[in-house]
Amino acid sequence: MKRILKLIGAGLALCPLIGLSVACSEDEDCSMTARPMMQCYLYTVHTDSGLAEKCTLNVLTVTARGTDSVIVNRQQNVQDLSLPLCYTADSTELVLHYEDDLTDTLIVRQQNTPYFVSMDCGYQMKQVITDISYTRHHLDSIHLSNPEAGIYGTENLKLFY
């Protein structure tokens, strides 16, 4: 009887380990459901040649307009930005704060389309940029390169200074 109890006790001790290994091997990879971001690169146009080349801002802070959310906090030597788009509204308003206390406001209108990924990963949001408006204190112009926000770092906006 003691042997049977020892065998049952040993078997019960292994059950959680066996359960974990089975559960881990069946988990779905949800890494493809990362939040899509709007990727922006900074450019300047040389007046003499008319050619555009990448540029750098010394210091930049980005906030969500009308909130206390800081998206980028005093980032230095900025050449590109990954910015989120709002899931709960059809537009995203961002404020770009420069080191000389001037700001530019960027209003991005987007179409949010939820789609089902799987039971394990849930829903994801497809976001397509439909329109852009902005102020021109430091920012000169914006070119929409690719309207669909993604997870791979594909350039969406060219910000010209």
C-alpha atoms as a PDB file:
ATOM      1  CA  MET A   1       0.000   0.000   0.000  1.00  0.00           C
ATOM      2  CA  LYS A   2       2.872   2.363   0.830  1.00  0.00           C
ATOM      3  CA  ARG A   3       4.393   1.700  -2.611  1.00  0.00           C
ATOM      4  CA  ILE A   4       1.161   2.570  -4.363  1.00  0.00           C
ATOM      5  CA  LEU A   5       0.883   5.841  -2.410  1.00  0.00           C
ATOM      6  CA  LYS A   6       4.497   6.717  -3.303  1.00  0.00           C
ATOM      7  CA  LEU A   7       3.829   6.052  -7.006  1.00  0.00           C
ATOM      8  CA  ILE A   8       0.651   8.123  -6.946  1.00  0.00           C
ATOM      9  CA  GLY A   9       2.489  10.930  -5.106  1.00  0.00           C
ATOM     10  CA  ALA A  10       5.327  10.904  -7.663  1.00  0.00           C
ATOM     11  CA  GLY A  11       2.840  10.931 -10.538  1.00  0.00           C
ATOM     12  CA  LEU A  12       0.935  13.871  -9.053  1.00  0.00           C
ATOM     13  CA  ALA A  13       4.189  15.801  -8.623  1.00  0.00           C
ATOM     14  CA  LEU A  14       4.955  15.397 -12.355  1.00  0.00           C
ATOM     15  CA  CYS A  15       1.476  16.399 -13.566  1.00  0.00           C
ATOM     16  CA  PRO A  16       2.067  20.177 -13.409  1.00  0.00           C
ATOM     17  CA  LEU A  17       5.334  19.824 -15.329  1.00  0.00           C
ATOM     18  CA  ILE A  18       3.725  17.696 -18.014  1.00  0.00           C
ATOM     19  CA  GLY A  19       0.791  20.120 -18.229  1.00  0.00           C
ATOM     20  CA  LEU A  20       3.105  23.113 -18.667  1.00  0.00           C
ATOM     21  CA  SER A  21       5.130  21.484 -21.427  1.00  0.00           C
ATOM     22  CA  VAL A  22       1.990  20.510 -23.343  1.00  0.00           C
ATOM     23  CA  ALA A  23       0.420  23.953 -22.893  1.00  0.00           C
ATOM     24  CA  CYS A  24       3.582  25.771 -24.015  1.00  0.00           C
ATOM     25  CA  SER A  25       3.969  23.678 -27.142  1.00  0.00           C
ATOM     26  CA  GLU A  26       0.400  24.437 -28.223  1.00  0.00           C
ATOM     27  CA  ASP A  27       0.529  28.230 -27.677  1.00  0.00           C
ATOM     28  CA  GLU A  28      -0.020  30.261 -30.797  1.00  0.00           C
ATOM     29  CA  ASP A  29       2.664  32.767 -31.764  1.00  0.00           C
ATOM     30  CA  CYS A  30       1.016  36.174 -31.300  1.00  0.00           C
ATOM     31  CA  SER A  31       4.130  38.185 -32.151  1.00  0.00           C
ATOM     32  CA  MET A  32       2.560  39.175 -35.478  1.00  0.00           C
ATOM     33  CA  THR A  33      -0.183  41.013 -33.599  1.00  0.00           C
ATOM     34  CA  ALA A  34       2.052  43.801 -32.314  1.00  0.00           C
ATOM     35  CA  ARG A  35       0.512  47.259 -32.390  1.00  0.00           C
ATOM     36  CA  PRO A  36       0.885  48.901 -35.808  1.00  0.00           C
ATOM     37  CA  MET A  37       2.783  52.184 -35.724  1.00  0.00           C
ATOM     38  CA  MET A  38       2.999  55.136 -38.079  1.00  0.00           C
ATOM     39  CA  GLN A  39       6.647  55.395 -39.122  1.00  0.00           C
ATOM     40  CA  CYS A  40       7.901  58.921 -39.903  1.00  0.00           C
ATOM     41  CA  TYR A  41      11.282  59.945 -41.307  1.00  0.00           C
ATOM     42  CA  LEU A  42      12.646  63.496 -41.231  1.00  0.00           C
ATOM     43  CA  TYR A  43      13.952  65.242 -44.347  1.00  0.00           C
ATOM     44  CA  THR A  44      15.182  68.604 -45.532  1.00  0.00           C
ATOM     45  CA  VAL A  45      15.270  69.947 -49.091  1.00  0.00           C
ATOM     46  CA  HIS A  46      18.375  71.806 -50.225  1.00  0.00           C
ATOM     47  CA  THR A  47      17.306  75.063 -51.853  1.00  0.00           C
ATOM     48  CA  ASP A  48      20.149  75.125 -54.390  1.00  0.00           C
ATOM     49  CA  SER A  49      19.824  71.533 -55.684  1.00  0.00           C
ATOM     50  CA  GLY A  50      16.199  70.780 -54.790  1.00  0.00           C
ATOM     51  CA  LEU A  51      17.230  67.337 -53.503  1.00  0.00           C
ATOM     52  CA  ALA A  52      15.807  65.893 -50.301  1.00  0.00           C
ATOM     53  CA  GLU A  53      18.021  64.222 -47.727  1.00  0.00           C
ATOM     54  CA  LYS A  54      17.443  62.886 -44.249  1.00  0.00           C
ATOM     55  CA  CYS A  55      17.882  65.395 -41.442  1.00  0.00           C
ATOM     56  CA  THR A  56      18.108  65.372 -37.655  1.00  0.00           C
ATOM     57  CA  LEU A  57      16.280  67.372 -34.977  1.00  0.00           C
ATOM     58  CA  ASN A  58      18.387  68.068 -31.894  1.00  0.00           C
ATOM     59  CA  VAL A  59      15.584  67.507 -29.358  1.00  0.00           C
ATOM     60  CA  LEU A  60      11.943  66.499 -29.841  1.00  0.00           C
ATOM     61  CA  THR A  61       9.038  65.695 -27.544  1.00  0.00           C
ATOM     62  CA  VAL A  62       5.753  64.333 -28.903  1.00  0.00           C
ATOM     63  CA  THR A  63       2.517  64.434 -26.918  1.00  0.00           C
ATOM     64  CA  ALA A  64      -1.072  63.453 -27.628  1.00  0.00           C
ATOM     65  CA  ARG A  65      -3.116  66.647 -27.968  1.00  0.00           C
ATOM     66  CA  GLY A  66      -5.646  67.235 -25.206  1.00  0.00           C
ATOM     67  CA  THR A  67      -4.105  64.639 -22.867  1.00  0.00           C
ATOM     68  CA  ASP A  68      -1.113  64.350 -20.576  1.00  0.00           C
ATOM     69  CA  SER A  69       0.297  61.436 -22.610  1.00  0.00           C
ATOM     70  CA  VAL A  70       3.940  61.818 -23.590  1.00  0.00           C
ATOM     71  CA  ILE A  71       4.778  59.571 -26.550  1.00  0.00           C
ATOM     72  CA  VAL A  72       8.380  60.714 -27.096  1.00  0.00           C
ATOM     73  CA  ASN A  73      10.135  62.444 -24.194  1.00  0.00           C
ATOM     74  CA  ARG A  74      12.986  64.816 -25.106  1.00  0.00           C
ATOM     75  CA  GLN A  75      14.526  62.411 -27.589  1.00  0.00           C
ATOM     76  CA  GLN A  76      17.833  63.678 -28.959  1.00  0.00           C
ATOM     77  CA  ASN A  77      19.210  63.477 -32.505  1.00  0.00           C
ATOM     78  CA  VAL A  78      15.845  62.463 -33.945  1.00  0.00           C
ATOM     79  CA  GLN A  79      15.879  61.117 -37.509  1.00  0.00           C
ATOM     80  CA  ASP A  80      12.762  58.962 -37.397  1.00  0.00           C
ATOM     81  CA  LEU A  81       9.693  58.407 -35.223  1.00  0.00           C
ATOM     82  CA  SER A  82       7.357  55.493 -34.565  1.00  0.00           C
ATOM     83  CA  LEU A  83       4.028  56.957 -33.510  1.00  0.00           C
ATOM     84  CA  PRO A  84       0.810  55.194 -32.512  1.00  0.00           C
ATOM     85  CA  LEU A  85      -2.546  55.980 -34.074  1.00  0.00           C
ATOM     86  CA  CYS A  86      -5.679  56.117 -31.940  1.00  0.00           C
ATOM     87  CA  TYR A  87      -7.809  52.945 -31.907  1.00  0.00           C
ATOM     88  CA  THR A  88     -10.916  54.564 -30.457  1.00  0.00           C
ATOM     89  CA  ALA A  89     -11.341  57.518 -32.833  1.00  0.00           C
ATOM     90  CA  ASP A  90     -10.994  58.225 -36.530  1.00  0.00           C
ATOM     91  CA  SER A  91      -8.259  60.810 -35.987  1.00  0.00           C
ATOM     92  CA  THR A  92      -5.067  61.165 -33.983  1.00  0.00           C
ATOM     93  CA  GLU A  93      -3.790  64.573 -32.877  1.00  0.00           C
ATOM     94  CA  LEU A  94      -0.098  64.801 -32.014  1.00  0.00           C
ATOM     95  CA  VAL A  95       1.894  67.832 -30.860  1.00  0.00           C
ATOM     96  CA  LEU A  96       5.565  68.065 -31.796  1.00  0.00           C
ATOM     97  CA  HIS A  97       7.466  70.139 -29.213  1.00  0.00           C
ATOM     98  CA  TYR A  98      10.804  71.541 -30.388  1.00  0.00           C
ATOM     99  CA  GLU A  99      13.699  72.778 -28.272  1.00  0.00           C
ATOM    100  CA  ASP A 100      12.891  76.460 -28.970  1.00  0.00           C
ATOM    101  CA  ASP A 101       9.429  76.087 -27.342  1.00  0.00           C
ATOM    102  CA  LEU A 102       7.602  76.228 -30.684  1.00  0.00           C
ATOM    103  CA  THR A 103       5.200  73.420 -31.533  1.00  0.00           C
ATOM    104  CA  ASP A 104       3.619  71.895 -34.600  1.00  0.00           C
ATOM    105  CA  THR A 105       0.346  70.007 -34.463  1.00  0.00           C
ATOM    106  CA  LEU A 106      -0.177  66.976 -36.668  1.00  0.00           C
ATOM    107  CA  ILE A 107      -3.713  65.703 -37.249  1.00  0.00           C
ATOM    108  CA  VAL A 108      -3.870  62.280 -38.867  1.00  0.00           C
ATOM    109  CA  ARG A 109      -7.223  60.926 -39.970  1.00  0.00           C
ATOM    110  CA  GLN A 110      -7.297  57.159 -40.195  1.00  0.00           C
ATOM    111  CA  GLN A 111      -9.697  54.339 -40.919  1.00  0.00           C
ATOM    112  CA  ASN A 112      -9.673  51.728 -38.133  1.00  0.00           C
ATOM    113  CA  THR A 113     -10.771  48.246 -39.158  1.00  0.00           C
ATOM    114  CA  PRO A 114     -10.748  45.517 -36.495  1.00  0.00           C
ATOM    115  CA  TYR A 115     -10.087  41.961 -37.613  1.00  0.00           C
ATOM    116  CA  PHE A 116     -10.027  38.663 -35.779  1.00  0.00           C
ATOM    117  CA  VAL A 117      -6.598  37.000 -35.543  1.00  0.00           C
ATOM    118  CA  SER A 118      -7.349  33.895 -33.439  1.00  0.00           C
ATOM    119  CA  MET A 119      -8.815  32.741 -30.134  1.00  0.00           C
ATOM    120  CA  ASP A 120      -5.389  33.011 -28.468  1.00  0.00           C
ATOM    121  CA  CYS A 121      -4.355  36.333 -29.990  1.00  0.00           C
ATOM    122  CA  GLY A 122      -7.732  38.065 -30.136  1.00  0.00           C
ATOM    123  CA  TYR A 123      -8.405  41.075 -32.356  1.00  0.00           C
ATOM    124  CA  GLN A 124      -5.997  43.412 -34.121  1.00  0.00           C
ATOM    125  CA  MET A 125      -6.627  46.771 -35.740  1.00  0.00           C
ATOM    126  CA  LYS A 126      -5.791  47.571 -39.349  1.00  0.00           C
ATOM    127  CA  GLN A 127      -5.166  51.316 -39.618  1.00  0.00           C
ATOM    128  CA  VAL A 128      -5.036  53.195 -42.913  1.00  0.00           C
ATOM    129  CA  ILE A 129      -4.158  56.903 -43.056  1.00  0.00           C
ATOM    130  CA  THR A 130      -6.761  58.791 -45.095  1.00  0.00           C
ATOM    131  CA  ASP A 131      -5.782  62.462 -44.569  1.00  0.00           C
ATOM    132  CA  ILE A 132      -3.154  64.624 -42.864  1.00  0.00           C
ATOM    133  CA  SER A 133      -3.241  68.245 -41.744  1.00  0.00           C
ATOM    134  CA  TYR A 134      -0.578  70.132 -39.811  1.00  0.00           C
ATOM    135  CA  THR A 135       0.704  73.495 -38.671  1.00  0.00           C
ATOM    136  CA  ARG A 136       3.835  74.986 -40.211  1.00  0.00           C
ATOM    137  CA  HIS A 137       5.934  76.559 -37.472  1.00  0.00           C
ATOM    138  CA  HIS A 138       9.018  74.394 -38.063  1.00  0.00           C
ATOM    139  CA  LEU A 139       7.431  71.740 -40.239  1.00  0.00           C
ATOM    140  CA  ASP A 140       7.406  72.690 -43.923  1.00  0.00           C
ATOM    141  CA  SER A 141       5.418  69.865 -45.510  1.00  0.00           C
ATOM    142  CA  ILE A 142       4.428  66.209 -45.217  1.00  0.00           C
ATOM    143  CA  HIS A 143       4.337  63.517 -47.883  1.00  0.00           C
ATOM    144  CA  LEU A 144       2.298  60.335 -47.392  1.00  0.00           C
ATOM    145  CA  SER A 145       4.511  57.448 -48.615  1.00  0.00           C
ATOM    146  CA  ASN A 146       2.427  54.483 -47.489  1.00  0.00           C
ATOM    147  CA  PRO A 147      -1.063  54.853 -45.991  1.00  0.00           C
ATOM    148  CA  GLU A 148      -1.135  51.573 -44.006  1.00  0.00           C
ATOM    149  CA  ALA A 149       0.435  51.623 -40.534  1.00  0.00           C
ATOM    150  CA  GLY A 150       2.338  48.432 -39.824  1.00  0.00           C
ATOM    151  CA  ILE A 151       4.719  46.538 -37.577  1.00  0.00           C
ATOM    152  CA  TYR A 152       7.700  46.295 -39.932  1.00  0.00           C
ATOM    153  CA  GLY A 153       8.981  49.899 -39.867  1.00  0.00           C
ATOM    154  CA  THR A 154       7.815  50.761 -43.387  1.00  0.00           C
ATOM    155  CA  GLU A 155       7.882  54.535 -43.905  1.00  0.00           C
ATOM    156  CA  ASN A 156       4.425  56.123 -43.792  1.00  0.00           C
ATOM    157  CA  LEU A 157       5.206  59.836 -43.626  1.00  0.00           C
ATOM    158  CA  LYS A 158       8.058  62.004 -44.867  1.00  0.00           C
ATOM    159  CA  LEU A 159       8.258  65.066 -42.588  1.00  0.00           C
ATOM    160  CA  PHE A 160      10.055  67.935 -44.352  1.00  0.00           C
ATOM    161  CA  TYR A 161      11.760  70.628 -42.288  1.00  0.00           C
END
